[in-house]
Amino acid sequence: MQDQVPMSGPADAFANVNNEQQEILARRVLEEIATVGMGIDVPLDEYIKILAEYRRICENRGSYKEAELVNHVLAQLRLEEENRHVSALAQQQENERRGLEEAHMLEFQNFNHVWNEKIDQFEEHQLDCEAAMLERHSMELAEFHAEISGGVPNRHKFSKELLNLRKVQDTLAKAKNYSDAHKVKLKADKMEAMELEKITRDRAEKYSKQEATILQRHRSELMAMRKRMERGKMELERARKKELEMLLQRYQNVKRGLQGQQNIIKAKTGNILLKHAHNKKTDCSGSTAINVSMGTGTFGPLMVKRRPVEAAAPAPPSPRAPASELPPIQ
């Protein structure tokens, strides 16, 4: 049986004109959805509002089959918008995790660069100190060699026997006893040569011992300096290892914190979408319900910062920013 359309006054005539325009707009939307589909460029919010209004018009005029068709399309649009929201959330969280990894890798590279420079500077300082010590040792040894190469001193300490022979020689020579003086002289010369040889040999042995002592002292000083440098380098390595452990621990803490926040958000998102799927009293999608929950604090201040750019109200500051906004790890 065809529905009876009541007589309408001026206000109803104006409403009918609006209804006609709304119906034309709704049919264009339905045709576009049937032709193009529900791609990423389709404005779902706007389409949902248009079709919801058209469904109301169909209900008022008794076109229930048309209303059922529109209601089915609305359900698909709601589902598509929710899928978009879930995909966007997954992409957002993936970007946050990637941002955290990139920030960590950048900090790790900077850590290696700084510590490599520290170790290079220390090793360069070690080489400079060793070169300075070797140069000082070389100069000291050169001065010692110059000292001993000055020749045998003119005056030597001879034995009393040789000195007595020289006195006898002089006495015989003064007494004009040249034959005996010559014999004494030969004996004294032979004795003097032997004593000079012994003096030279003793002096050479003395200088050799002094040189050995100097060289041993140089070796000890060089070894002691190298041990000090080695201890210094080991301390640097221990400090580097400790700082690296702290850096990695901070990264793991931030990573666990981010994962915990993301799991909470995914769980709350899933709960809201599940509850909204059974709500037949609204045409809004689960994404709209999530945005409302963010505005009322259900998700907390952190979730507000995750809202899309097209959200109506600006987000309040978050006490804990997402990983993409975290400062570099110090």
Protein backbone atom coordinates (compact mmCIF):
# COMPACT_ATOMS: atom_id res chain seq x y z
CA MET A 1 0.00 0.00 0.00
CA GLN A 2 1.40 3.40 -1.00
CA ASP A 3 2.15 5.72 1.93
CA GLN A 4 -0.01 8.85 2.26
CA VAL A 5 1.93 12.11 2.05
CA PRO A 6 0.30 14.81 4.23
CA MET A 7 -0.37 18.28 2.96
CA SER A 8 2.45 20.63 3.68
CA GLY A 9 2.59 24.32 4.47
CA PRO A 10 5.36 26.82 3.53
CA ALA A 11 7.72 25.48 6.14
CA ASP A 12 7.09 21.90 4.98
CA ALA A 13 7.59 22.97 1.37
CA PHE A 14 11.00 24.43 2.33
CA ALA A 15 11.83 21.20 4.15
CA ASN A 16 10.84 19.18 1.08
CA VAL A 17 13.19 21.24 -1.07
CA ASN A 18 15.99 20.53 1.40
CA ASN A 19 15.03 16.86 1.44
CA GLU A 20 15.19 16.73 -2.34
CA GLN A 21 18.65 18.28 -2.33
CA GLN A 22 19.71 15.93 0.43
CA GLU A 23 18.41 12.93 -1.53
CA ILE A 24 20.25 14.03 -4.66
CA LEU A 25 23.44 14.45 -2.65
CA ALA A 26 22.97 11.06 -0.96
CA ARG A 27 22.42 9.29 -4.27
CA ARG A 28 25.60 10.87 -5.63
CA VAL A 29 27.44 9.55 -2.60
CA LEU A 30 25.97 6.06 -3.10
CA GLU A 31 26.89 6.10 -6.78
CA GLU A 32 30.43 7.23 -6.00
CA ILE A 33 30.83 4.51 -3.39
CA ALA A 34 29.49 1.90 -5.81
CA THR A 35 31.78 3.14 -8.60
CA VAL A 36 34.98 4.21 -6.85
CA GLY A 37 34.72 2.28 -3.63
CA MET A 38 35.97 3.45 -0.22
CA GLY A 39 39.52 4.42 -1.02
CA ILE A 40 41.82 6.46 1.15
CA ASP A 41 40.66 9.70 -0.50
CA VAL A 42 37.00 9.15 0.31
CA PRO A 43 35.82 11.60 3.04
CA LEU A 44 34.10 9.05 5.27
CA ASP A 45 32.94 11.50 7.95
CA GLU A 46 31.16 13.66 5.41
CA TYR A 47 29.61 10.66 3.67
CA ILE A 48 28.37 9.24 6.96
CA LYS A 49 26.67 12.53 7.84
CA ILE A 50 25.01 12.77 4.42
CA LEU A 51 23.76 9.18 4.41
CA ALA A 52 22.60 9.34 8.03
CA GLU A 53 20.49 12.38 7.18
CA TYR A 54 19.15 10.65 4.07
CA ARG A 55 18.25 7.57 6.12
CA ARG A 56 16.27 9.82 8.48
CA ILE A 57 14.46 11.23 5.47
CA CYS A 58 13.67 7.72 4.25
CA GLU A 59 12.36 6.78 7.69
CA ASN A 60 10.11 9.85 7.80
CA ARG A 61 8.56 9.13 4.45
CA GLY A 62 8.29 5.41 5.06
CA SER A 63 10.91 4.22 2.53
CA TYR A 64 12.16 1.51 4.82
CA LYS A 65 13.85 -0.61 2.17
CA GLU A 66 15.81 2.41 1.02
CA ALA A 67 16.58 3.16 4.66
CA GLU A 68 17.81 -0.42 5.15
CA LEU A 69 20.07 -0.12 2.12
CA VAL A 70 21.47 3.17 3.38
CA ASN A 71 21.89 1.68 6.84
CA HIS A 72 23.91 -1.18 5.35
CA VAL A 73 26.17 1.30 3.52
CA LEU A 74 26.55 3.30 6.74
CA ALA A 75 27.71 0.16 8.55
CA GLN A 76 30.33 -0.44 5.85
CA LEU A 77 31.49 3.17 6.09
CA ARG A 78 31.75 2.90 9.86
CA LEU A 79 33.76 -0.29 9.52
CA GLU A 80 36.04 1.31 6.92
CA GLU A 81 36.64 4.33 9.13
CA GLU A 82 37.47 2.08 12.07
CA ASN A 83 39.85 0.07 9.89
CA ARG A 84 41.50 3.31 8.83
CA HIS A 85 41.85 4.33 12.44
CA VAL A 86 43.41 0.99 13.40
CA SER A 87 45.78 1.14 10.42
CA ALA A 88 46.73 4.73 11.22
CA LEU A 89 47.34 3.79 14.85
CA ALA A 90 49.51 0.85 13.80
CA GLN A 91 51.46 3.09 11.43
CA GLN A 92 51.81 5.77 14.11
CA GLN A 93 53.16 3.26 16.60
CA GLU A 94 55.49 1.80 13.99
CA ASN A 95 56.80 5.31 13.27
CA GLU A 96 57.35 5.86 16.98
CA ARG A 97 59.29 2.62 17.29
CA ARG A 98 61.31 3.44 14.18
CA GLY A 99 61.96 6.92 15.51
CA LEU A 100 63.18 5.45 18.79
CA GLU A 101 65.49 3.05 16.93
CA GLU A 102 66.85 5.84 14.74
CA ALA A 103 67.42 8.10 17.74
CA HIS A 104 69.19 5.26 19.54
CA MET A 105 71.39 4.46 16.53
CA LEU A 106 72.27 8.15 16.15
CA GLU A 107 73.15 8.37 19.82
CA PHE A 108 75.16 5.14 19.59
CA GLN A 109 77.11 6.46 16.60
CA ASN A 110 77.78 9.72 18.44
CA PHE A 111 78.86 7.72 21.51
CA ASN A 112 81.36 5.73 19.43
CA HIS A 113 82.62 8.87 17.71
CA VAL A 114 83.22 10.70 21.01
CA TRP A 115 84.91 7.76 22.69
CA ASN A 116 87.05 6.91 19.66
CA GLU A 117 88.30 10.50 19.72
CA LYS A 118 89.05 10.22 23.45
CA ILE A 119 91.04 7.02 22.97
CA ASP A 120 92.85 8.41 19.90
CA GLN A 121 93.83 11.52 21.85
CA PHE A 122 95.04 9.40 24.75
CA GLU A 123 97.13 7.18 22.46
CA GLU A 124 98.56 10.24 20.73
CA HIS A 125 99.45 11.70 24.13
CA GLN A 126 101.07 8.37 25.05
CA LEU A 127 103.21 8.43 21.91
CA ASP A 128 104.22 12.04 22.55
CA CYS A 129 105.25 11.26 26.13
CA GLU A 130 107.23 8.22 25.02
CA ALA A 131 108.96 10.15 22.25
CA ALA A 132 109.87 12.94 24.69
CA MET A 133 111.29 10.44 27.17
CA LEU A 134 113.33 8.67 24.49
CA GLU A 135 114.72 11.97 23.30
CA ARG A 136 115.69 12.93 26.85
CA HIS A 137 117.38 9.56 27.34
CA SER A 138 119.26 9.94 24.08
CA MET A 139 120.54 13.39 25.06
CA GLU A 140 121.64 12.13 28.46
CA LEU A 141 123.51 9.22 26.90
CA ALA A 142 125.13 11.51 24.34
CA GLU A 143 126.37 13.80 27.13
CA PHE A 144 127.82 10.80 28.96
CA HIS A 145 129.63 9.61 25.82
CA ALA A 146 130.99 13.12 25.26
CA GLU A 147 132.27 13.15 28.81
CA ILE A 148 134.17 9.89 28.53
CA SER A 149 135.52 10.62 25.05
CA GLY A 150 137.56 13.55 26.31
CA GLY A 151 140.63 11.31 26.60
CA VAL A 152 142.75 10.03 29.47
CA PRO A 153 143.56 12.71 32.06
CA ASN A 154 147.14 14.00 32.02
CA ARG A 155 147.75 13.15 35.65
CA HIS A 156 147.39 9.61 36.90
CA LYS A 157 147.82 8.09 40.30
CA PHE A 158 150.80 5.73 39.96
CA SER A 159 152.04 3.22 42.52
CA LYS A 160 154.64 4.14 45.18
CA GLU A 161 157.08 1.64 43.68
CA LEU A 162 156.98 3.42 40.32
CA LEU A 163 157.37 6.82 41.97
CA ASN A 164 160.41 5.55 43.94
CA LEU A 165 161.97 4.23 40.73
CA ARG A 166 161.57 7.63 39.12
CA LYS A 167 163.25 9.26 42.11
CA VAL A 168 166.13 6.79 41.92
CA GLN A 169 166.37 7.45 38.20
CA ASP A 170 166.59 11.18 38.77
CA THR A 171 169.17 10.75 41.54
CA LEU A 172 171.41 8.54 39.37
CA ALA A 173 171.10 10.92 36.47
CA LYS A 174 172.15 13.86 38.65
CA ALA A 175 175.10 11.84 39.96
CA LYS A 176 176.22 11.32 36.32
CA ASN A 177 175.62 7.59 36.72
CA TYR A 178 173.90 7.34 33.39
CA SER A 179 174.28 3.59 32.93
CA ASP A 180 172.40 2.71 36.10
CA ALA A 181 169.97 5.56 35.50
CA HIS A 182 169.16 4.04 32.08
CA LYS A 183 168.54 0.62 33.58
CA VAL A 184 166.23 2.09 36.24
CA LYS A 185 164.45 4.13 33.56
CA LEU A 186 163.72 1.05 31.45
CA LYS A 187 162.33 -0.74 34.43
CA ALA A 188 160.23 2.29 35.44
CA ASP A 189 158.94 2.78 31.86
CA LYS A 190 157.84 -0.83 31.67
CA MET A 191 156.11 -0.53 35.03
CA GLU A 192 154.43 2.74 34.00
CA ALA A 193 153.12 1.19 30.78
CA MET A 194 151.61 -1.68 32.69
CA GLU A 195 150.02 0.69 35.23
CA LEU A 196 148.65 2.95 32.44
CA GLU A 197 147.14 -0.09 30.75
CA LYS A 198 145.52 -1.10 34.04
CA ILE A 199 144.25 2.44 34.66
CA THR A 200 142.75 2.57 31.15
CA ARG A 201 141.19 -0.83 31.57
CA ASP A 202 139.71 0.06 34.98
CA ARG A 203 138.38 3.36 33.65
CA ALA A 204 136.77 1.64 30.66
CA GLU A 205 135.18 -0.92 32.96
CA LYS A 206 133.93 1.87 35.21
CA TYR A 207 132.40 3.79 32.27
CA SER A 208 130.87 0.59 30.98
CA LYS A 209 129.17 -0.05 34.30
CA GLN A 210 127.99 3.57 34.45
CA GLU A 211 126.57 3.28 30.94
CA ALA A 212 124.84 0.01 31.82
CA THR A 213 123.35 1.68 34.90
CA ILE A 214 122.10 4.60 32.81
CA LEU A 215 120.57 2.28 30.21
CA GLN A 216 118.89 0.19 32.89
CA ARG A 217 117.45 3.33 34.49
CA HIS A 218 116.18 4.44 31.07
CA ARG A 219 114.52 1.08 30.50
CA SER A 220 112.91 1.18 33.93
CA GLU A 221 111.60 4.70 33.39
CA LEU A 222 110.20 3.79 29.96
CA MET A 223 108.59 0.61 31.29
CA ALA A 224 107.06 2.46 34.23
CA MET A 225 105.65 5.14 31.94
CA ARG A 226 104.17 2.50 29.59
CA LYS A 227 102.54 0.74 32.54
CA ARG A 228 101.02 4.04 33.70
CA MET A 229 99.73 4.68 30.20
CA GLU A 230 98.33 1.16 29.97
CA ARG A 231 96.50 1.63 33.27
CA GLY A 232 95.13 4.92 32.00
CA LYS A 233 93.90 3.27 28.81
CA MET A 234 92.28 0.44 30.77
CA GLU A 235 90.48 3.01 32.92
CA LEU A 236 89.25 4.70 29.76
CA GLU A 237 87.98 1.37 28.43
CA ARG A 238 86.21 0.63 31.71
CA ALA A 239 84.59 4.06 31.67
CA ARG A 240 83.52 3.54 28.07
CA LYS A 241 82.03 0.14 28.86
CA LYS A 242 80.15 1.50 31.86
CA GLU A 243 78.75 4.44 29.90
CA LEU A 244 77.74 2.11 27.06
CA GLU A 245 75.90 -0.15 29.49
CA MET A 246 74.06 2.87 30.88
CA LEU A 247 73.19 4.04 27.36
CA LEU A 248 71.82 0.61 26.40
CA GLN A 249 69.91 0.32 29.68
CA ARG A 250 68.29 3.72 29.14
CA TYR A 251 67.34 2.66 25.64
CA GLN A 252 65.77 -0.56 26.91
CA ASN A 253 63.85 1.40 29.58
CA VAL A 254 62.51 3.85 27.01
CA LYS A 255 61.68 1.01 24.63
CA ARG A 256 59.78 -0.92 27.32
CA GLY A 257 57.96 2.24 28.34
CA LEU A 258 56.95 2.95 24.76
CA GLN A 259 55.81 -0.63 24.21
CA GLY A 260 53.76 -0.49 27.40
CA GLN A 261 52.07 2.74 26.33
CA GLN A 262 51.37 1.39 22.87
CA ASN A 263 49.92 -1.84 24.27
CA ILE A 264 47.62 0.15 26.56
CA ILE A 265 46.45 2.30 23.66
CA LYS A 266 45.87 -0.73 21.42
CA ALA A 267 43.94 -2.49 24.18
CA LYS A 268 41.76 0.55 24.89
CA THR A 269 41.21 1.10 21.18
CA GLY A 270 40.14 -2.52 20.74
CA ASN A 271 37.77 -2.33 23.72
CA ILE A 272 36.12 0.85 22.48
CA LEU A 273 35.73 -0.50 18.95
CA LEU A 274 34.31 -3.77 20.29
CA LYS A 275 31.78 -1.99 22.48
CA HIS A 276 30.87 0.40 19.70
CA ALA A 277 30.32 -2.45 17.23
CA HIS A 278 27.28 -3.51 19.30
CA ASN A 279 25.92 0.02 19.60
CA LYS A 280 23.10 0.41 17.09
CA LYS A 281 21.87 3.73 18.45
CA THR A 282 24.49 5.93 16.76
CA ASP A 283 25.75 6.48 13.25
CA CYS A 284 29.16 7.57 14.46
CA SER A 285 32.06 5.21 13.85
CA GLY A 286 34.23 3.72 16.54
CA SER A 287 36.91 6.24 15.56
CA THR A 288 34.59 9.05 16.58
CA ALA A 289 33.97 7.35 19.90
CA ILE A 290 37.73 7.03 20.38
CA ASN A 291 38.21 10.73 19.65
CA VAL A 292 35.49 11.54 22.17
CA SER A 293 37.18 9.32 24.73
CA MET A 294 40.47 11.10 24.07
CA GLY A 295 38.80 14.43 24.64
CA THR A 296 37.28 13.30 27.92
CA GLY A 297 40.53 11.81 29.21
CA THR A 298 39.78 8.11 28.83
CA PHE A 299 43.05 7.62 27.04
CA GLY A 300 44.87 10.16 29.14
CA PRO A 301 46.86 13.18 27.92
CA LEU A 302 49.27 11.01 25.91
CA MET A 303 46.52 9.74 23.63
CA VAL A 304 45.41 13.28 22.89
CA LYS A 305 48.76 13.92 21.27
CA ARG A 306 48.18 10.93 18.99
CA ARG A 307 44.97 12.40 17.56
CA PRO A 308 44.99 13.13 13.82
CA VAL A 309 45.96 16.57 12.58
CA GLU A 310 42.37 17.25 11.54
CA ALA A 311 41.11 16.95 15.14
CA ALA A 312 39.01 19.92 16.14
CA ALA A 313 40.62 20.84 19.45
CA PRO A 314 44.40 21.23 20.06
CA ALA A 315 45.97 18.60 22.25
CA PRO A 316 47.09 19.49 25.80
CA PRO A 317 50.78 18.98 26.63
CA SER A 318 51.80 15.43 27.42
CA PRO A 319 53.88 14.57 30.50
CA ARG A 320 55.55 11.82 28.50
CA ALA A 321 56.02 12.49 24.82
CA PRO A 322 56.01 9.77 22.13
CA ALA A 323 59.33 8.31 21.14
CA SER A 324 59.48 10.48 18.02
CA GLU A 325 59.56 13.57 20.26
CA LEU A 326 61.94 12.28 22.88
CA PRO A 327 65.25 14.17 23.24
CA PRO A 328 68.40 12.28 22.27
CA ILE A 329 69.65 9.85 24.86
CA GLN A 330 72.44 11.50 26.84
